[in-house]
Protein backbone atom coordinates (compact mmCIF):
# COMPACT_ATOMS: atom_id res chain seq x y z
CA UNK A 1 101.15 101.85 78.94
CA UNK A 2 102.56 101.47 75.40
CA UNK A 3 103.70 97.94 76.25
CA UNK A 4 100.22 97.11 77.54
CA UNK A 5 98.69 98.52 74.34
CA UNK A 6 101.04 96.38 72.25
CA UNK A 7 100.01 93.35 74.28
CA UNK A 8 96.32 94.10 73.71
CA UNK A 9 96.90 94.49 69.97
CA UNK A 10 98.63 91.12 69.93
CA UNK A 11 95.97 89.43 72.07
CA UNK A 12 93.11 90.77 69.93
CA UNK A 13 94.95 89.99 66.67
CA UNK A 14 94.97 93.62 65.57
CA UNK A 15 97.49 93.13 62.79
CA UNK A 16 98.15 94.50 59.32
CA UNK A 17 95.11 92.74 57.84
CA UNK A 18 92.82 94.28 60.45
CA UNK A 19 94.28 97.74 59.89
CA UNK A 20 93.82 97.38 56.12
CA UNK A 21 90.20 96.35 56.67
CA UNK A 22 89.63 99.39 58.88
CA UNK A 23 90.91 101.65 56.10
CA UNK A 24 88.39 100.08 53.70
CA UNK A 25 85.60 100.46 56.24
CA UNK A 26 86.45 103.98 57.46
CA UNK A 27 84.48 105.91 54.76
CA UNK A 28 81.33 104.00 55.73
CA UNK A 29 81.90 104.78 59.41
CA UNK A 30 82.59 108.45 58.64
CA UNK A 31 79.29 108.63 56.77
CA UNK A 32 77.43 106.94 59.63
CA UNK A 33 79.17 108.28 62.74
CA UNK A 34 76.60 110.98 63.48
CA UNK A 35 73.79 108.43 63.19
CA UNK A 36 75.62 106.18 65.68
CA UNK A 37 76.21 109.08 68.06
CA UNK A 38 72.55 110.15 67.78
CA UNK A 39 71.46 106.73 69.00
CA UNK A 40 74.12 106.61 71.70
CA UNK A 41 73.46 110.05 73.16
CA UNK A 42 69.69 109.65 72.98
CA UNK A 43 70.14 106.62 75.23
CA UNK A 44 72.52 108.50 77.49
CA UNK A 45 70.15 111.43 77.89
CA UNK A 46 67.40 109.04 78.91
CA UNK A 47 69.60 107.49 81.60
CA UNK A 48 69.40 108.89 85.12
CA UNK A 49 72.96 107.64 85.69
CA UNK A 50 74.37 109.72 82.83
CA UNK A 51 72.21 112.70 83.76
CA UNK A 52 73.93 112.82 87.13
CA UNK A 53 77.35 112.51 85.52
CA UNK A 54 77.08 114.93 82.60
CA UNK A 55 74.76 117.38 84.27
CA UNK A 56 73.83 119.60 81.34
CA UNK A 57 73.51 119.78 77.56
CA UNK A 58 76.79 121.63 77.10
CA UNK A 59 78.75 118.86 78.80
CA UNK A 60 77.06 116.24 76.63
CA UNK A 61 77.88 118.21 73.47
CA UNK A 62 81.55 118.42 74.44
CA UNK A 63 81.60 114.71 75.27
CA UNK A 64 80.02 113.85 71.93
CA UNK A 65 82.52 115.97 70.00
CA UNK A 66 85.44 114.45 71.88
CA UNK A 67 84.15 110.90 71.34
CA UNK A 68 83.62 111.47 67.62
CA UNK A 69 87.12 112.84 67.23
CA UNK A 70 88.59 109.93 69.19
CA UNK A 71 86.82 107.27 67.13
CA UNK A 72 87.46 108.77 63.69
CA UNK A 73 91.07 109.85 64.23
CA UNK A 74 92.22 106.86 66.21
CA UNK A 75 90.00 103.85 66.89
CA UNK A 76 88.39 103.23 63.50
CA UNK A 77 91.37 104.68 61.63
CA UNK A 78 93.68 102.17 63.32
CA UNK A 79 96.02 104.88 64.62
CA UNK A 80 97.14 103.42 67.94
CA UNK A 81 100.02 105.78 68.62
CA UNK A 82 101.05 108.17 71.40
CA UNK A 83 98.28 110.60 70.42
CA UNK A 84 95.76 107.77 70.83
CA UNK A 85 97.09 106.99 74.30
CA UNK A 86 96.98 110.67 75.27
CA UNK A 87 93.40 111.00 74.03
CA UNK A 88 92.34 107.82 75.83
CA UNK A 89 93.92 109.01 79.08
CA UNK A 90 92.24 112.40 78.75
CA UNK A 91 88.81 110.89 78.12
CA UNK A 92 89.16 108.34 80.92
CA UNK A 93 90.30 110.93 83.44
CA UNK A 94 87.55 113.35 82.44
CA UNK A 95 84.93 110.64 82.84
CA UNK A 96 86.31 109.80 86.27
CA UNK A 97 86.25 113.47 87.30
CA UNK A 98 82.65 113.74 86.10
CA UNK A 99 81.75 110.67 88.11
CA UNK A 100 80.64 108.68 85.06
CA UNK A 101 79.45 105.26 86.20
CA UNK A 102 81.54 102.49 84.70
CA UNK A 103 78.32 100.81 83.55
CA UNK A 104 77.98 103.62 81.02
CA UNK A 105 81.24 102.52 79.40
CA UNK A 106 79.96 99.00 78.91
CA UNK A 107 76.55 100.15 77.72
CA UNK A 108 77.97 102.74 75.34
CA UNK A 109 80.29 100.28 73.63
CA UNK A 110 77.48 97.73 73.34
CA UNK A 111 75.28 100.34 71.64
CA UNK A 112 78.07 101.30 69.24
CA UNK A 113 78.72 97.69 68.26
CA UNK A 114 75.02 97.06 67.71
CA UNK A 115 74.70 100.13 65.46
CA UNK A 116 77.82 99.20 63.51
CA UNK A 117 76.45 95.70 62.95
CA UNK A 118 73.24 97.15 61.52
CA UNK A 119 75.20 99.52 59.27
CA UNK A 120 77.39 96.73 57.90
CA UNK A 121 74.42 94.46 57.24
CA UNK A 122 72.61 97.24 55.38
CA UNK A 123 75.67 98.30 53.38
CA UNK A 124 76.85 94.80 52.43
CA UNK A 125 73.77 92.58 52.23
CA UNK A 126 75.14 90.02 49.77
CA UNK A 127 78.64 89.13 51.02
CA UNK A 128 78.72 87.30 54.33
CA UNK A 129 82.50 86.93 54.17
CA UNK A 130 83.04 90.68 53.77
CA UNK A 131 80.56 91.44 56.55
CA UNK A 132 82.40 89.08 58.90
CA UNK A 133 85.76 90.57 57.96
CA UNK A 134 84.53 94.10 58.66
CA UNK A 135 82.84 93.16 61.92
CA UNK A 136 85.87 91.21 63.13
CA UNK A 137 88.10 94.26 62.59
CA UNK A 138 85.63 96.67 64.17
CA UNK A 139 84.86 94.42 67.13
CA UNK A 140 88.53 93.92 67.92
CA UNK A 141 89.39 97.62 68.00
CA UNK A 142 86.21 98.49 69.91
CA UNK A 143 87.04 95.90 72.56
CA UNK A 144 90.59 97.22 72.80
CA UNK A 145 89.36 100.79 73.20
CA UNK A 146 86.86 99.67 75.82
CA UNK A 147 89.63 97.83 77.68
CA UNK A 148 91.89 100.86 77.58
CA UNK A 149 89.10 103.18 78.70
CA UNK A 150 88.32 100.91 81.64
CA UNK A 151 92.01 100.61 82.50
CA UNK A 152 92.50 104.39 82.49
CA UNK A 153 89.33 104.89 84.53
CA UNK A 154 90.45 102.47 87.23
CA UNK A 155 94.03 103.72 87.09
CA UNK A 156 92.81 107.28 87.68
CA UNK A 157 90.58 106.15 90.52
CA UNK A 158 93.41 104.21 92.15
CA UNK A 159 95.85 107.09 91.72
CA UNK A 160 93.43 109.31 93.66
CA UNK A 161 93.17 106.70 96.40
CA UNK A 162 96.95 106.25 96.46
CA UNK A 163 97.47 110.02 96.63
CA UNK A 164 95.10 110.26 99.59
CA UNK A 165 96.90 107.36 101.27
CA UNK A 166 100.24 109.05 100.61
CA UNK A 167 99.02 112.31 102.13
CA UNK A 168 97.76 110.44 105.19
CA UNK A 169 101.15 108.72 105.44
CA UNK A 170 102.93 112.06 105.25
CA UNK A 171 100.64 113.59 107.88
CA UNK A 172 101.30 110.72 110.27
CA UNK A 173 105.02 110.85 109.51
CA UNK A 174 105.16 114.58 110.16
CA UNK A 175 103.46 114.03 113.50
CA UNK A 176 106.51 112.00 114.47
CA UNK A 177 108.97 114.47 112.95
CA UNK A 178 107.45 117.52 114.60
CA UNK A 179 107.75 115.94 118.03
CA UNK A 180 111.42 115.41 117.31
CA UNK A 181 114.08 117.75 116.01
CA UNK A 182 113.59 117.47 112.28
CA UNK A 183 111.93 119.76 109.78
CA UNK A 184 109.04 118.57 107.65
CA UNK A 185 111.25 118.41 104.55
CA UNK A 186 113.50 115.72 106.05
CA UNK A 187 110.94 113.01 105.34
CA UNK A 188 110.41 114.31 101.79
CA UNK A 189 114.13 114.26 101.04
CA UNK A 190 114.73 110.95 102.76
CA UNK A 191 111.85 109.24 100.94
CA UNK A 192 112.95 110.51 97.53
CA UNK A 193 116.53 109.49 98.24
CA UNK A 194 115.24 106.02 99.07
CA UNK A 195 113.50 105.88 95.70
CA UNK A 196 116.66 106.97 93.87
CA UNK A 197 118.83 104.40 95.67
CA UNK A 198 116.30 101.63 95.00
CA UNK A 199 116.38 102.37 91.27
CA UNK A 200 120.17 102.50 91.34
CA UNK A 201 120.17 99.12 93.12
CA UNK A 202 118.18 97.67 90.24
CA UNK A 203 114.67 97.52 91.67
CA UNK A 204 111.81 98.28 89.30
CA UNK A 205 109.93 101.59 89.30
CA UNK A 206 106.89 100.18 91.10
CA UNK A 207 108.97 98.86 94.01
CA UNK A 208 110.96 102.10 94.20
CA UNK A 209 107.77 104.17 94.24
CA UNK A 210 106.33 102.02 97.02
CA UNK A 211 109.50 102.65 98.98
CA UNK A 212 109.10 106.41 98.48
CA UNK A 213 105.53 106.21 99.80
CA UNK A 214 106.35 103.89 102.72
CA UNK A 215 109.65 105.31 104.00
CA UNK A 216 108.35 108.58 105.53
CA UNK A 217 106.87 106.51 108.36
CA UNK A 218 110.29 105.24 109.48
CA UNK A 219 110.29 107.29 112.70
CA UNK A 220 106.56 107.34 113.42
CA UNK A 221 107.26 105.36 116.61
CA UNK A 222 108.81 108.47 118.17
CA UNK A 223 105.24 109.54 118.84
CA UNK A 224 105.37 107.05 121.73
CA UNK A 225 108.61 108.36 123.27
CA UNK A 226 108.12 110.73 126.25
CA UNK A 227 109.00 114.38 125.63
CA UNK A 228 111.37 114.32 128.61
CA UNK A 229 113.56 111.94 126.63
CA UNK A 230 112.83 112.94 123.05
CA UNK A 231 113.53 116.63 123.72
CA UNK A 232 116.23 116.29 126.37
CA UNK A 233 118.92 118.94 125.70
CA UNK A 234 121.90 116.81 126.73
CA UNK A 235 123.21 113.28 126.33
CA UNK A 236 120.75 110.53 127.20
CA UNK A 237 121.41 108.20 130.09
CA UNK A 238 121.62 104.46 129.48
CA UNK A 239 118.05 103.97 130.68
CA UNK A 240 116.79 106.86 128.55
CA UNK A 241 118.59 105.46 125.52
CA UNK A 242 116.87 102.13 126.07
CA UNK A 243 113.51 103.92 126.03
CA UNK A 244 114.46 105.85 122.88
CA UNK A 245 115.46 102.61 121.20
CA UNK A 246 111.94 101.31 121.61
CA UNK A 247 110.68 103.64 118.88
CA UNK A 248 111.13 101.13 116.03
CA UNK A 249 108.94 98.60 117.85
CA UNK A 250 106.42 101.32 118.71
CA UNK A 251 106.34 102.17 115.00
CA UNK A 252 105.73 98.51 114.23
CA UNK A 253 102.79 98.58 116.62
CA UNK A 254 101.37 101.79 115.11
CA UNK A 255 101.55 100.54 111.52
CA UNK A 256 99.25 97.53 111.25
CA UNK A 257 100.08 94.18 109.74
CA UNK A 258 98.22 94.38 106.46
CA UNK A 259 98.24 92.53 103.11
CA UNK A 260 98.72 95.81 101.21
CA UNK A 261 102.35 95.81 100.02
CA UNK A 262 103.08 99.45 100.81
CA UNK A 263 101.77 99.14 104.38
CA UNK A 264 103.82 96.01 104.96
CA UNK A 265 106.87 97.79 103.59
CA UNK A 266 106.29 100.81 105.86
CA UNK A 267 106.06 98.52 108.88
CA UNK A 268 109.27 96.70 108.00
CA UNK A 269 111.11 100.00 107.54
CA UNK A 270 109.89 101.30 110.90
CA UNK A 271 111.05 98.09 112.58
CA UNK A 272 114.44 97.72 110.89
CA UNK A 273 115.90 101.07 109.87
CA UNK A 274 118.16 101.07 112.96
CA UNK A 275 119.43 97.55 112.40
CA UNK A 276 123.05 97.32 111.23
CA UNK A 277 124.75 95.11 108.67
CA UNK A 278 127.13 93.65 111.30
CA UNK A 279 124.31 92.83 113.73
CA UNK A 280 125.09 95.60 116.24
CA UNK A 281 121.90 97.57 115.61
CA UNK A 282 118.52 97.53 117.32
CA UNK A 283 115.84 96.57 118.27
CA UNK A 284 116.51 92.90 117.39
CA UNK A 285 120.13 92.78 116.27
CA UNK A 286 119.43 91.52 112.76
CA UNK A 287 122.48 91.17 110.54
CA UNK A 288 123.19 91.09 106.83
CA UNK A 289 120.36 90.02 104.57
CA UNK A 290 118.16 89.31 107.60
CA UNK A 291 117.44 93.04 107.39
CA UNK A 292 114.87 93.71 104.65
CA UNK A 293 116.28 95.62 101.69
CA UNK A 294 113.88 98.50 102.30
CA UNK A 295 115.24 98.85 105.84
CA UNK A 296 118.84 98.81 104.59
CA UNK A 297 118.12 101.53 102.03
CA UNK A 298 116.19 103.67 104.52
CA UNK A 299 119.07 103.45 107.01
CA UNK A 300 121.58 105.03 104.62
CA UNK A 301 119.23 107.75 103.37
CA UNK A 302 118.08 108.67 106.89
CA UNK A 303 121.64 108.99 108.20
CA UNK A 304 122.97 110.84 105.14
CA UNK A 305 120.22 113.46 105.17
CA UNK A 306 120.62 113.96 108.91
CA UNK A 307 124.36 114.50 108.52
CA UNK A 308 124.21 117.07 105.71
CA UNK A 309 121.29 119.04 107.21
CA UNK A 310 121.89 122.11 109.34
CA UNK A 311 120.00 122.34 112.61
CA UNK A 312 120.03 124.94 115.39
CA UNK A 313 121.95 122.52 117.61
CA UNK A 314 124.50 121.42 114.98
CA UNK A 315 126.21 122.50 111.79
CA UNK A 316 125.68 120.55 108.61
CA UNK A 317 128.45 118.19 107.61
CA UNK A 318 129.93 118.78 104.20
CA UNK A 319 128.87 116.43 101.44
CA UNK A 320 132.39 114.97 101.39
CA UNK A 321 132.36 114.33 105.15
CA UNK A 322 128.95 112.67 105.01
CA UNK A 323 129.90 110.47 102.05
CA UNK A 324 133.11 109.55 103.86
CA UNK A 325 131.07 108.43 106.87
CA UNK A 326 128.81 106.30 104.66
CA UNK A 327 131.81 104.69 102.96
CA UNK A 328 133.70 103.94 106.18
CA UNK A 329 130.51 102.45 107.66
CA UNK A 330 130.09 100.07 104.72
CA UNK A 331 130.12 96.50 105.98
CA UNK A 332 129.50 97.55 109.59
CA UNK A 333 126.48 99.85 109.71
CA UNK A 334 125.47 99.65 106.06
CA UNK A 335 125.03 96.97 103.39
CA UNK A 336 128.03 97.32 101.02
CA UNK A 337 125.84 96.70 97.95
CA UNK A 338 123.44 99.45 99.01
CA UNK A 339 126.39 101.76 99.67
CA UNK A 340 127.60 101.17 96.10
CA UNK A 341 124.11 101.91 94.77
CA UNK A 342 123.96 105.06 96.90
CA UNK A 343 127.30 106.28 95.55
CA UNK A 344 126.22 105.51 91.98
CA UNK A 345 123.23 107.87 92.21
CA UNK A 346 124.82 110.80 94.04
CA UNK A 347 123.83 113.20 91.27
CA UNK A 348 120.17 112.33 91.91
CA UNK A 349 120.72 112.67 95.67
CA UNK A 350 122.23 116.13 95.10
CA UNK A 351 119.23 117.15 92.97
CA UNK A 352 116.85 116.05 95.73
CA UNK A 353 118.82 118.02 98.31
CA UNK A 354 118.67 121.15 96.13
CA UNK A 355 114.96 120.81 95.39
CA UNK A 356 113.81 120.00 98.92
CA UNK A 357 116.48 121.62 101.07
CA UNK A 358 115.44 123.33 104.29
CA UNK A 359 115.13 127.12 104.25
CA UNK A 360 118.17 128.79 105.79
CA UNK A 361 118.05 128.62 109.56
CA UNK A 362 115.03 126.34 109.69
CA UNK A 363 114.91 123.92 112.56
CA UNK A 364 112.54 123.06 115.28
CA UNK A 365 114.06 122.83 118.74
CA UNK A 366 117.64 123.84 119.50
CA UNK A 367 117.58 121.95 122.77
CA UNK A 368 116.77 118.59 121.20
CA UNK A 369 119.45 116.06 122.09
CA UNK A 370 118.20 112.79 120.63
CA UNK A 371 118.78 113.70 117.03
CA UNK A 372 119.98 110.47 115.48
CA UNK A 373 118.53 107.80 117.74
């Protein structure tokens, strides 16, 4: 966010000259701020849109006080620091929670600019150059504040949508897990391990976060595997194993092809997390970089968490044993570069295991025999 704010300042030419002009102009704004707010809130009270959003007089009074503080301490004072960003986030999120229509943002800033123009013209009637200098400074910071407010509003709205999508993902993922032998925390640990490995590999935070959101659906295709196979207490026959190995393709059918990046990533993970670096995996037999990176990362994290987790039908491997298995499988099962990234972030992996470890003795079905298929 700070980088975006710096970019806006540069784009709108909010430089030292503008900040100096704001300091000159601030006493006039301080003397006129209540007049500006009177006009603004009179218009807001008359609007049916704002009446629905703010609801009552007390809410409007709080909003007015917060807006005044924000403008005088930050916007018109030229203080675009961390406190400004925190205040802008708080205001934007509050407006979103109140259901403030975005049109009110645009209208409010237009009213403020109009009132400021009138104030400048009345205060400086004889110097056109000074008026233009003041209005240029004020207009630039008002537009930046409006842009930031809109950005925070939309960012808050999208974060709510993304959180709902994530919860739906987790619900669908758990449907697959609960039909199998895993506990609900397996998908939480595995997805957070995927995020840690992605960052260690050098991917950016956005990509790593998408991987965390997408990876819980890796085994959703097990929903389509018959219970007689999925929950069989003993070793699977060759025919049963062939049915079990259809679950990646079933997962690919369940997760739709979609332009949304995170959905596409989830589908690729479901389809490829059982592929192996040397081409001996399934369902297609992809090898090397033919396997999407997200599938290669998910493969390591899925296997590692399964190995170190205790279940009623097996003891947990020690951390050293599990890491040894990952290392010896480098170049055959796993991508060597991803293995190196995994090993480089073991402290983060350990933290995830501690935070989201299963309660002692937790497990779902002791008879389950298809644990790592």
